[in-house]
Structure formats: structure tokens, C-alpha cells
C-alpha atoms as a PDB file:
ATOM      1  CA  MET A   1      82.089   6.302  41.873  1.00  0.00           C
ATOM      2  CA  SER A   2      78.055   7.174  41.274  1.00  0.00           C
ATOM      3  CA  LYS A   3      76.318   4.806  39.246  1.00  0.00           C
ATOM      4  CA  GLY A   4      76.151   7.340  36.057  1.00  0.00           C
ATOM      5  CA  ASN A   5      80.027   6.370  36.161  1.00  0.00           C
ATOM      6  CA  ILE A   6      79.575   2.375  37.197  1.00  0.00           C
ATOM      7  CA  SER A   7      77.318   2.347  34.143  1.00  0.00           C
ATOM      8  CA  GLU A   8      79.509   4.045  31.930  1.00  0.00           C
ATOM      9  CA  VAL A   9      82.386   1.993  33.143  1.00  0.00           C
ATOM     10  CA  ALA A  10      80.832  -1.076  32.611  1.00  0.00           C
ATOM     11  CA  GLN A  11      79.566   0.100  28.970  1.00  0.00           C
ATOM     12  CA  ASP A  12      83.381   0.822  28.077  1.00  0.00           C
ATOM     13  CA  LYS A  13      84.287  -2.571  29.047  1.00  0.00           C
ATOM     14  CA  TYR A  14      82.226  -4.070  26.317  1.00  0.00           C
ATOM     15  CA  LEU A  15      82.980  -2.150  23.614  1.00  0.00           C
ATOM     16  CA  VAL A  16      84.727  -3.136  21.106  1.00  0.00           C
ATOM     17  CA  PRO A  17      86.860  -0.681  19.556  1.00  0.00           C
ATOM     18  CA  ALA A  18      87.648  -2.365  15.995  1.00  0.00           C
ATOM     19  CA  LEU A  19      83.842  -2.807  15.363  1.00  0.00           C
ATOM     20  CA  GLU A  20      83.836   0.704  15.897  1.00  0.00           C
ATOM     21  CA  ARG A  21      85.861   1.996  13.771  1.00  0.00           C
ATOM     22  CA  GLY A  22      85.050  -0.340  11.053  1.00  0.00           C
ATOM     23  CA  LEU A  23      81.195   1.126  11.759  1.00  0.00           C
ATOM     24  CA  LEU A  24      82.205   4.626  11.408  1.00  0.00           C
ATOM     25  CA  LEU A  25      84.230   3.980   8.685  1.00  0.00           C
ATOM     26  CA  LEU A  26      81.571   3.141   6.589  1.00  0.00           C
ATOM     27  CA  GLY A  27      79.073   5.907   7.878  1.00  0.00           C
ATOM     28  CA  GLN A  28      82.029   7.931   6.154  1.00  0.00           C
ATOM     29  CA  PHE A  29      79.997   6.929   2.651  1.00  0.00           C
ATOM     30  CA  SER A  30      77.015   8.969   1.377  1.00  0.00           C
ATOM     31  CA  HIS A  31      75.042   9.858  -1.765  1.00  0.00           C
ATOM     32  CA  VAL A  32      77.822  12.850  -1.936  1.00  0.00           C
ATOM     33  CA  ASP A  33      80.830  10.970  -0.764  1.00  0.00           C
ATOM     34  CA  ARG A  34      80.147   7.773  -2.763  1.00  0.00           C
ATOM     35  CA  LYS A  35      84.042   7.464  -3.451  1.00  0.00           C
ATOM     36  CA  LEU A  36      86.645   7.727  -0.594  1.00  0.00           C
ATOM     37  CA  SER A  37      90.108   7.382  -0.301  1.00  0.00           C
ATOM     38  CA  ALA A  38      92.070   5.883   2.596  1.00  0.00           C
ATOM     39  CA  PRO A  39      93.918   9.073   2.938  1.00  0.00           C
ATOM     40  CA  GLU A  40      90.720  10.747   2.717  1.00  0.00           C
ATOM     41  CA  LEU A  41      89.183   8.192   5.111  1.00  0.00           C
ATOM     42  CA  ALA A  42      91.915   8.342   7.911  1.00  0.00           C
ATOM     43  CA  ARG A  43      92.125  12.403   8.282  1.00  0.00           C
ATOM     44  CA  ARG A  44      88.041  12.044   8.775  1.00  0.00           C
ATOM     45  CA  LEU A  45      88.422   9.199  11.371  1.00  0.00           C
ATOM     46  CA  SER A  46      91.637  10.776  12.943  1.00  0.00           C
ATOM     47  CA  LEU A  47      93.366   7.698  12.483  1.00  0.00           C
ATOM     48  CA  PRO A  48      96.156   5.788  11.309  1.00  0.00           C
ATOM     49  CA  ARG A  49      96.717   4.788   7.588  1.00  0.00           C
ATOM     50  CA  SER A  50      97.489   1.915   8.680  1.00  0.00           C
ATOM     51  CA  THR A  51      94.675   1.391  10.546  1.00  0.00           C
ATOM     52  CA  VAL A  52      92.484   2.270   8.259  1.00  0.00           C
ATOM     53  CA  PHE A  53      94.068   0.094   5.812  1.00  0.00           C
ATOM     54  CA  ARG A  54      93.282  -3.052   8.091  1.00  0.00           C
ATOM     55  CA  LEU A  55      90.052  -2.256   8.296  1.00  0.00           C
ATOM     56  CA  LEU A  56      89.452  -1.265   4.418  1.00  0.00           C
ATOM     57  CA  MET A  57      91.179  -5.456   4.185  1.00  0.00           C
ATOM     58  CA  THR A  58      88.675  -6.960   6.122  1.00  0.00           C
ATOM     59  CA  LEU A  59      85.979  -5.068   4.923  1.00  0.00           C
ATOM     60  CA  GLU A  60      86.722  -5.279   1.739  1.00  0.00           C
ATOM     61  CA  SER A  61      87.204  -8.942   1.746  1.00  0.00           C
ATOM     62  CA  MET A  62      83.582  -9.589   3.579  1.00  0.00           C
ATOM     63  CA  GLY A  63      81.812  -7.543   0.800  1.00  0.00           C
ATOM     64  CA  PHE A  64      81.266  -4.403   2.681  1.00  0.00           C
ATOM     65  CA  VAL A  65      83.119  -2.280   0.541  1.00  0.00           C
ATOM     66  CA  GLN A  66      84.964  -2.602  -2.921  1.00  0.00           C
ATOM     67  CA  ARG A  67      87.521  -0.610  -4.812  1.00  0.00           C
ATOM     68  CA  ALA A  68      86.553   1.698  -7.120  1.00  0.00           C
ATOM     69  CA  GLU A  69      87.681   2.340 -10.726  1.00  0.00           C
ATOM     70  CA  GLY A  70      91.464   2.691 -10.771  1.00  0.00           C
ATOM     71  CA  GLY A  71      91.907   0.791  -7.535  1.00  0.00           C
ATOM     72  CA  HIS A  72      93.034   3.806  -5.221  1.00  0.00           C
ATOM     73  CA  ASP A  73      89.177   4.814  -3.740  1.00  0.00           C
ATOM     74  CA  TYR A  74      86.722   2.483  -2.212  1.00  0.00           C
ATOM     75  CA  ARG A  75      82.910   2.858  -2.036  1.00  0.00           C
ATOM     76  CA  LEU A  76      80.060   0.571   0.069  1.00  0.00           C
ATOM     77  CA  GLY A  77      79.646  -3.237  -1.381  1.00  0.00           C
ATOM     78  CA  LEU A  78      77.036  -5.053  -2.139  1.00  0.00           C
ATOM     79  CA  ALA A  79      77.008  -6.524   1.514  1.00  0.00           C
ATOM     80  CA  VAL A  80      75.853  -3.327   2.900  1.00  0.00           C
ATOM     81  CA  LEU A  81      72.943  -2.871  -0.186  1.00  0.00           C
ATOM     82  CA  ARG A  82      72.241  -6.522   1.487  1.00  0.00           C
ATOM     83  CA  LEU A  83      72.374  -5.694   4.773  1.00  0.00           C
ATOM     84  CA  GLY A  84      69.911  -2.510   4.369  1.00  0.00           C
ATOM     85  CA  PHE A  85      67.255  -3.911   1.799  1.00  0.00           C
ATOM     86  CA  GLU A  86      67.035  -7.085   4.280  1.00  0.00           C
ATOM     87  CA  TYR A  87      65.829  -4.499   7.079  1.00  0.00           C
ATOM     88  CA  LEU A  88      63.458  -2.713   4.765  1.00  0.00           C
ATOM     89  CA  ALA A  89      61.761  -6.147   4.193  1.00  0.00           C
ATOM     90  CA  SER A  90      61.681  -6.933   7.315  1.00  0.00           C
ATOM     91  CA  LEU A  91      59.726  -3.584   8.195  1.00  0.00           C
ATOM     92  CA  GLU A  92      55.924  -4.156   9.237  1.00  0.00           C
ATOM     93  CA  LEU A  93      55.780  -0.480   8.066  1.00  0.00           C
ATOM     94  CA  THR A  94      57.014  -1.309   4.846  1.00  0.00           C
ATOM     95  CA  GLU A  95      55.402  -5.028   4.598  1.00  0.00           C
ATOM     96  CA  LEU A  96      52.015  -3.216   4.642  1.00  0.00           C
ATOM     97  CA  GLY A  97      52.473   0.057   3.048  1.00  0.00           C
ATOM     98  CA  ALA A  98      53.976  -1.913  -0.430  1.00  0.00           C
ATOM     99  CA  PRO A  99      50.551  -3.040  -1.368  1.00  0.00           C
ATOM    100  CA  LEU A 100      49.078  -0.072  -0.834  1.00  0.00           C
ATOM    101  CA  LEU A 101      51.343   1.923  -2.479  1.00  0.00           C
ATOM    102  CA  GLU A 102      50.708  -0.602  -5.652  1.00  0.00           C
ATOM    103  CA  ARG A 103      46.943  -0.030  -5.381  1.00  0.00           C
ATOM    104  CA  LEU A 104      47.270   4.291  -5.142  1.00  0.00           C
ATOM    105  CA  ARG A 105      49.330   3.940  -8.225  1.00  0.00           C
ATOM    106  CA  GLY A 106      47.397   2.250 -10.080  1.00  0.00           C
ATOM    107  CA  GLU A 107      44.072   4.416  -9.576  1.00  0.00           C
ATOM    108  CA  ILE A 108      45.514   7.816  -9.309  1.00  0.00           C
ATOM    109  CA  GLY A 109      48.927   6.719 -12.494  1.00  0.00           C
ATOM    110  CA  PHE A 110      51.488   8.676 -10.903  1.00  0.00           C
ATOM    111  CA  SER A 111      54.565   7.232  -8.617  1.00  0.00           C
ATOM    112  CA  CYS A 112      53.702   6.876  -5.177  1.00  0.00           C
ATOM    113  CA  ASN A 113      56.411   6.687  -2.472  1.00  0.00           C
ATOM    114  CA  LEU A 114      57.005   6.059   1.740  1.00  0.00           C
ATOM    115  CA  VAL A 115      59.655   7.579   3.675  1.00  0.00           C
ATOM    116  CA  VAL A 116      60.705   7.162   7.318  1.00  0.00           C
ATOM    117  CA  ARG A 117      62.777   9.870   8.982  1.00  0.00           C
ATOM    118  CA  ASP A 118      66.641   9.216   9.900  1.00  0.00           C
ATOM    119  CA  GLY A 119      67.386  12.176  11.885  1.00  0.00           C
ATOM    120  CA  ARG A 120      67.910  14.645   9.520  1.00  0.00           C
ATOM    121  CA  SER A 121      67.301  12.799   6.321  1.00  0.00           C
ATOM    122  CA  ILE A 122      64.075  10.866   4.758  1.00  0.00           C
ATOM    123  CA  VAL A 123      65.011   7.762   3.742  1.00  0.00           C
ATOM    124  CA  TYR A 124      62.542   6.012   0.751  1.00  0.00           C
ATOM    125  CA  VAL A 125      61.627   2.758   2.465  1.00  0.00           C
ATOM    126  CA  ALA A 126      59.026   1.892  -0.600  1.00  0.00           C
ATOM    127  CA  LYS A 127      58.123   2.373  -3.233  1.00  0.00           C
ATOM    128  CA  SER A 128      55.881   1.815  -6.790  1.00  0.00           C
ATOM    129  CA  SER A 129      56.658   3.569 -10.068  1.00  0.00           C
ATOM    130  CA  ALA A 130      54.477   4.328 -12.898  1.00  0.00           C
ATOM    131  CA  PRO A 131      55.227   3.623 -16.456  1.00  0.00           C
ATOM    132  CA  THR A 132      55.899   7.527 -17.334  1.00  0.00           C
ATOM    133  CA  PRO A 133      59.120   9.627 -19.374  1.00  0.00           C
ATOM    134  CA  PHE A 134      60.136  11.165 -16.829  1.00  0.00           C
ATOM    135  CA  THR A 135      62.920   9.940 -15.022  1.00  0.00           C
ATOM    136  CA  SER A 136      62.969   9.836 -10.716  1.00  0.00           C
ATOM    137  CA  SER A 137      66.223   9.874  -9.220  1.00  0.00           C
ATOM    138  CA  VAL A 138      65.180   8.152  -5.932  1.00  0.00           C
ATOM    139  CA  HIS A 139      65.362   4.791  -4.858  1.00  0.00           C
ATOM    140  CA  VAL A 140      64.673   2.181  -2.365  1.00  0.00           C
ATOM    141  CA  GLY A 141      66.820   3.644  -0.124  1.00  0.00           C
ATOM    142  CA  THR A 142      67.666   7.082  -1.209  1.00  0.00           C
ATOM    143  CA  ARG A 143      68.526   9.874   1.575  1.00  0.00           C
ATOM    144  CA  LEU A 144      67.289  13.702   1.244  1.00  0.00           C
ATOM    145  CA  PRO A 145      67.251  16.589   3.907  1.00  0.00           C
ATOM    146  CA  ALA A 146      63.807  16.331   5.527  1.00  0.00           C
ATOM    147  CA  HIS A 147      63.613  19.954   5.972  1.00  0.00           C
ATOM    148  CA  ALA A 148      64.377  20.671   2.148  1.00  0.00           C
ATOM    149  CA  THR A 149      61.384  17.985   0.856  1.00  0.00           C
ATOM    150  CA  VAL A 150      57.789  17.877   0.678  1.00  0.00           C
ATOM    151  CA  LEU A 151      58.042  14.211   2.775  1.00  0.00           C
ATOM    152  CA  GLY A 152      60.141  15.538   5.034  1.00  0.00           C
ATOM    153  CA  ARG A 153      58.203  18.175   6.068  1.00  0.00           C
ATOM    154  CA  VAL A 154      55.324  16.261   6.770  1.00  0.00           C
ATOM    155  CA  LEU A 155      58.078  14.145   8.987  1.00  0.00           C
ATOM    156  CA  LEU A 156      58.930  17.295  11.156  1.00  0.00           C
ATOM    157  CA  GLU A 157      55.475  18.370  11.955  1.00  0.00           C
ATOM    158  CA  ASP A 158      55.569  16.391  15.562  1.00  0.00           C
ATOM    159  CA  LEU A 159      58.376  18.109  16.522  1.00  0.00           C
ATOM    160  CA  THR A 160      58.143  21.065  18.425  1.00  0.00           C
ATOM    161  CA  LEU A 161      60.344  23.565  18.410  1.00  0.00           C
ATOM    162  CA  ASP A 162      63.271  23.265  20.706  1.00  0.00           C
ATOM    163  CA  GLU A 163      63.559  19.767  19.855  1.00  0.00           C
ATOM    164  CA  LEU A 164      63.544  21.586  15.589  1.00  0.00           C
ATOM    165  CA  ARG A 165      66.268  23.671  16.979  1.00  0.00           C
ATOM    166  CA  GLU A 166      68.083  20.539  18.539  1.00  0.00           C
ATOM    167  CA  LEU A 167      67.632  18.924  15.173  1.00  0.00           C
ATOM    168  CA  PHE A 168      69.073  21.602  12.861  1.00  0.00           C
ATOM    169  CA  PRO A 169      71.482  24.073  15.122  1.00  0.00           C
ATOM    170  CA  GLU A 170      72.751  26.097  12.508  1.00  0.00           C
ATOM    171  CA  LYS A 171      71.647  29.463  12.016  1.00  0.00           C
ATOM    172  CA  HIS A 172      71.203  28.918   8.488  1.00  0.00           C
ATOM    173  CA  LEU A 173      69.523  25.646   6.538  1.00  0.00           C
ATOM    174  CA  GLU A 174      71.106  24.334   3.528  1.00  0.00           C
ATOM    175  CA  SER A 175      69.196  25.751   0.359  1.00  0.00           C
ATOM    176  CA  TYR A 176      68.058  23.463  -2.217  1.00  0.00           C
ATOM    177  CA  SER A 177      66.041  25.503  -4.140  1.00  0.00           C
ATOM    178  CA  SER A 178      64.386  29.349  -3.574  1.00  0.00           C
ATOM    179  CA  SER A 179      61.376  27.218  -1.498  1.00  0.00           C
ATOM    180  CA  THR A 180      63.752  25.746   1.111  1.00  0.00           C
ATOM    181  CA  PRO A 181      63.079  27.236   4.700  1.00  0.00           C
ATOM    182  CA  THR A 182      66.311  29.372   5.269  1.00  0.00           C
ATOM    183  CA  THR A 183      65.663  29.481   8.877  1.00  0.00           C
ATOM    184  CA  VAL A 184      64.732  26.714  11.739  1.00  0.00           C
ATOM    185  CA  MET A 185      61.473  28.951  12.740  1.00  0.00           C
ATOM    186  CA  GLU A 186      60.350  29.673   8.688  1.00  0.00           C
ATOM    187  CA  LEU A 187      60.539  25.647   9.137  1.00  0.00           C
ATOM    188  CA  TYR A 188      58.156  25.287  12.254  1.00  0.00           C
ATOM    189  CA  GLU A 189      55.906  27.833  10.963  1.00  0.00           C
ATOM    190  CA  LEU A 190      55.733  26.050   7.478  1.00  0.00           C
ATOM    191  CA  VAL A 191      55.645  22.654   8.981  1.00  0.00           C
ATOM    192  CA  GLN A 192      52.630  23.904  11.525  1.00  0.00           C
ATOM    193  CA  LYS A 193      50.096  25.589   8.804  1.00  0.00           C
ATOM    194  CA  ASP A 194      50.778  21.713   6.990  1.00  0.00           C
ATOM    195  CA  ARG A 195      50.111  20.175  10.508  1.00  0.00           C
ATOM    196  CA  GLN A 196      46.928  22.145  10.867  1.00  0.00           C
ATOM    197  CA  ARG A 197      46.345  21.542   7.038  1.00  0.00           C
ATOM    198  CA  GLY A 198      46.868  17.723   7.258  1.00  0.00           C
ATOM    199  CA  TYR A 199      48.667  17.696   4.317  1.00  0.00           C
ATOM    200  CA  VAL A 200      51.419  18.660   1.909  1.00  0.00           C
ATOM    201  CA  LEU A 201      50.564  20.077  -1.881  1.00  0.00           C
ATOM    202  CA  GLN A 202      53.560  22.125  -3.451  1.00  0.00           C
ATOM    203  CA  GLU A 203      55.408  22.111  -6.735  1.00  0.00           C
ATOM    204  CA  ALA A 204      58.995  22.463  -7.214  1.00  0.00           C
ATOM    205  CA  PHE A 205      59.618  22.228  -3.713  1.00  0.00           C
ATOM    206  CA  PHE A 206      63.054  20.203  -3.728  1.00  0.00           C
ATOM    207  CA  GLU A 207      63.155  19.188  -7.697  1.00  0.00           C
ATOM    208  CA  ALA A 208      62.082  21.360 -10.742  1.00  0.00           C
ATOM    209  CA  ARG A 209      59.472  20.340 -12.293  1.00  0.00           C
ATOM    210  CA  VAL A 210      57.739  17.929 -10.212  1.00  0.00           C
ATOM    211  CA  SER A 211      54.668  18.416  -7.419  1.00  0.00           C
ATOM    212  CA  THR A 212      54.500  16.635  -4.710  1.00  0.00           C
ATOM    213  CA  ILE A 213      51.287  15.536  -2.565  1.00  0.00           C
ATOM    214  CA  ALA A 214      51.952  13.809   1.009  1.00  0.00           C
ATOM    215  CA  ALA A 215      50.428  12.788   4.201  1.00  0.00           C
ATOM    216  CA  PRO A 216      51.169  11.445   7.346  1.00  0.00           C
ATOM    217  CA  VAL A 217      51.444   7.700   8.645  1.00  0.00           C
ATOM    218  CA  ARG A 218      50.737   7.727  12.093  1.00  0.00           C
ATOM    219  CA  ASP A 219      51.118   4.061  14.967  1.00  0.00           C
ATOM    220  CA  ALA A 220      49.490   3.786  17.977  1.00  0.00           C
ATOM    221  CA  THR A 221      50.182   5.941  19.734  1.00  0.00           C
ATOM    222  CA  GLY A 222      49.261   8.989  17.470  1.00  0.00           C
ATOM    223  CA  ARG A 223      52.901   9.461  16.537  1.00  0.00           C
ATOM    224  CA  ILE A 224      54.077   9.886  13.140  1.00  0.00           C
ATOM    225  CA  VAL A 225      56.097   7.097  11.549  1.00  0.00           C
ATOM    226  CA  ALA A 226      56.462   7.451   7.723  1.00  0.00           C
ATOM    227  CA  ALA A 227      55.103  10.376   4.971  1.00  0.00           C
ATOM    228  CA  LEU A 228      52.965   8.566   2.026  1.00  0.00           C
ATOM    229  CA  GLY A 229      53.214  10.657  -1.147  1.00  0.00           C
ATOM    230  CA  ALA A 230      52.475  10.615  -4.773  1.00  0.00           C
ATOM    231  CA  THR A 231      55.133  12.258  -7.384  1.00  0.00           C
ATOM    232  CA  ILE A 232      53.458  14.436 -10.217  1.00  0.00           C
ATOM    233  CA  PRO A 233      55.491  15.126 -13.241  1.00  0.00           C
ATOM    234  CA  SER A 234      54.601  19.157 -14.331  1.00  0.00           C
ATOM    235  CA  SER A 235      54.146  18.186 -17.974  1.00  0.00           C
ATOM    236  CA  ARG A 236      50.844  15.677 -15.983  1.00  0.00           C
ATOM    237  CA  PHE A 237      49.762  18.219 -13.843  1.00  0.00           C
ATOM    238  CA  GLU A 238      46.124  18.798 -13.944  1.00  0.00           C
ATOM    239  CA  PRO A 239      44.171  21.122 -11.649  1.00  0.00           C
ATOM    240  CA  GLU A 240      40.998  19.820 -12.240  1.00  0.00           C
ATOM    241  CA  ARG A 241      42.414  16.465 -10.766  1.00  0.00           C
ATOM    242  CA  ILE A 242      44.369  18.026  -7.625  1.00  0.00           C
ATOM    243  CA  ASP A 243      41.153  17.488  -5.316  1.00  0.00           C
ATOM    244  CA  ASP A 244      40.955  13.588  -5.991  1.00  0.00           C
ATOM    245  CA  LEU A 245      44.486  13.183  -5.538  1.00  0.00           C
ATOM    246  CA  VAL A 246      44.500  14.774  -2.768  1.00  0.00           C
ATOM    247  CA  ALA A 247      42.455  12.858  -0.545  1.00  0.00           C
ATOM    248  CA  ARG A 248      43.499   9.675  -2.176  1.00  0.00           C
ATOM    249  CA  VAL A 249      46.496  10.100  -0.952  1.00  0.00           C
ATOM    250  CA  ARG A 250      44.818  10.777   2.501  1.00  0.00           C
ATOM    251  CA  SER A 251      42.641   7.988   2.415  1.00  0.00           C
ATOM    252  CA  THR A 252      45.463   6.101   1.667  1.00  0.00           C
ATOM    253  CA  ALA A 253      47.701   7.332   4.396  1.00  0.00           C
ATOM    254  CA  MET A 254      45.034   6.655   7.227  1.00  0.00           C
ATOM    255  CA  GLU A 255      44.303   3.267   5.869  1.00  0.00           C
ATOM    256  CA  LEU A 256      48.140   2.699   6.985  1.00  0.00           C
ATOM    257  CA  SER A 257      48.019   4.499   9.598  1.00  0.00           C
ATOM    258  CA  ARG A 258      44.556   2.032  10.776  1.00  0.00           C
ATOM    259  CA  LEU A 259      46.953  -0.915   9.797  1.00  0.00           C
ATOM    260  CA  LEU A 260      48.980   0.078  12.374  1.00  0.00           C
ATOM    261  CA  ASN A 261      46.760   0.378  15.134  1.00  0.00           C
ATOM    262  CA  TYR A 262      46.267   4.133  14.974  1.00  0.00           C
ATOM    263  CA  SER A 263      42.326   5.717  16.116  1.00  0.00           C
ATOM    264  CA  PRO A 264      41.760   8.834  15.839  1.00  0.00           C
ATOM    265  CA  GLU A 265      38.872   8.316  17.481  1.00  0.00           C
ATOM    266  CA  LYS A 266      40.768   6.574  20.197  1.00  0.00           C
ATOM    267  CA  MET A 267      43.372   9.663  20.362  1.00  0.00           C
ATOM    268  CA  GLN A 268      40.140  12.740  20.611  1.00  0.00           C
ATOM    269  CA  ALA A 269      38.991  10.874  23.505  1.00  0.00           C
ATOM    270  CA  MET A 270      42.505  10.617  25.278  1.00  0.00           C
ATOM    271  CA  GLY A 271      43.149  14.433  24.622  1.00  0.00           C
ATOM    272  CA  ARG A 272      39.414  14.896  26.151  1.00  0.00           C
ATOM    273  CA  VAL A 273      40.301  13.122  29.165  1.00  0.00           C
ATOM    274  CA  ALA A 274      43.474  14.515  29.156  1.00  0.00           C
ATOM    275  CA  ASN A 275      41.856  18.045  29.275  1.00  0.00           C
ATOM    276  CA  LEU A 276      39.240  17.581  32.100  1.00  0.00           C
END
């Protein structure tokens, strides 16, 4: 038996099937599938209904799921939300970024957001909302498709074409607006232009009547770890302010990057050494 096989056997020995099934069950819920029935969960997980029922009873007793109106479907419970928010609040990125978002929002008068990437999705980890009649559908914890959002485009800039193809193996990308890239190559070319520009500014890329300005946040290694952006309702879009808004968003993103020990000067010096 090879060392790799021994390692796999040892790993399997310590796996807890019931815990694994429970976590897989929780992972079936999303912003699209907010409510699911026991039969549907059994079908998705290829498990007997009796097993799914026991899992649901256990998770319900702990507050991780709760019965929806009518009693036949289930939805995520407050225990899941508490875990998520406590995790987000524990992130150094969030702790450092939240006051910067508040300051930026006060300066420009528009809602500001900080997001990270989780696979093919972006997740909002901090938000500072401006008082406005415009009602946003996003809040801390909201997940949106990375390839179809301005903030997501920023978070994909570091990926190579091969890495993008691995992340999006399908031939055609799901479209959310007329601006959504339809292929991986189109997406790659778009984010490379974004990377060269250093920021993204686009109207109605994901949501109609909304413009977004976004810039990358980098860590000590130079890797993009978050995207910081401002959301501007079209009704309040003033072309003469754009240069100032872009500068303020980029400056705030760079300030957060420096707090995460990013140094563009150090990265440039390392690049010069590598090229020798």
C-alpha cells in the first residue's frame, strides 16, 4: 500500500459520516433555495428519507434549521446565522475594513461594501449604508455570482486563464444581464483589462439603474483578498464627480491593503529581483 493510500485510509477512519451528512444538508440551502422539503433533501443527497428526517430533527433541536410556514418545508435557523456573523466579525479584514467603509461612505454619500470570494461566489462581509430612497437587496452575508458582478470581477483578476476555466468549466456562463460575459475567454479578457486599469466602474453590470466602483484589496503577499466598492443609484450619478469618487475608492482600498501589510514598493522590488 502506498503512503498516499495509507493517508487516505487514516483520514477516512476519523471521518464522522453523520456530521458530514448534516453539513452537506445545510449546504443545500441558498438564496435561491431558501426552503426545502425532506423528500427534496433526500433526493439531492441520495439518502433514505428516514435518515434525512433524523438529521433534520437533530439540526432543528439545535436551531440550525426550522420549519417554514405550513410545517412541510425547512429553512436555515438562527444558529447558522450566528455562526456566520461571528465568523465574519472575527476576520481581521472585517475589523480593519469596517471603519474605513464608514469613513468612505461619509465622504462620498453612497453605500460602500467589502466582499471576499468563496469559489464562484462573492460574499459581502462588511457594509456601510447611506440614507437613500434606493433600497439595496444586499446585506452582510449575501452571496452573488462572481463572474456577473463588478466586485466579483475584481476578485477574479489574479486568476490565470487555466484557473478560470477550472472554476467555470461550463461552455456558457449563466447570464444575469446583457453585460454578463458569456464565455470564460470573454470573462478573462474583461478582468485583465480591469487589472491593468486598477479599478472597475460600470453601470447596470448586475443590477439595473445601479453603478458600481470597485478596487482590489491585497495582503502582504500581493494577492487580492477582497474587493472594496461603492454603489451609486443612477438617479444620483453625477459624471463630474466620477474622477473624485474613483480616487477615493481606490485610496481606501489601498489604505486597507497597507493595514494588511501590503507594500507595492516591496512587491515592485521583488519583481525586479526576480527578473535579474
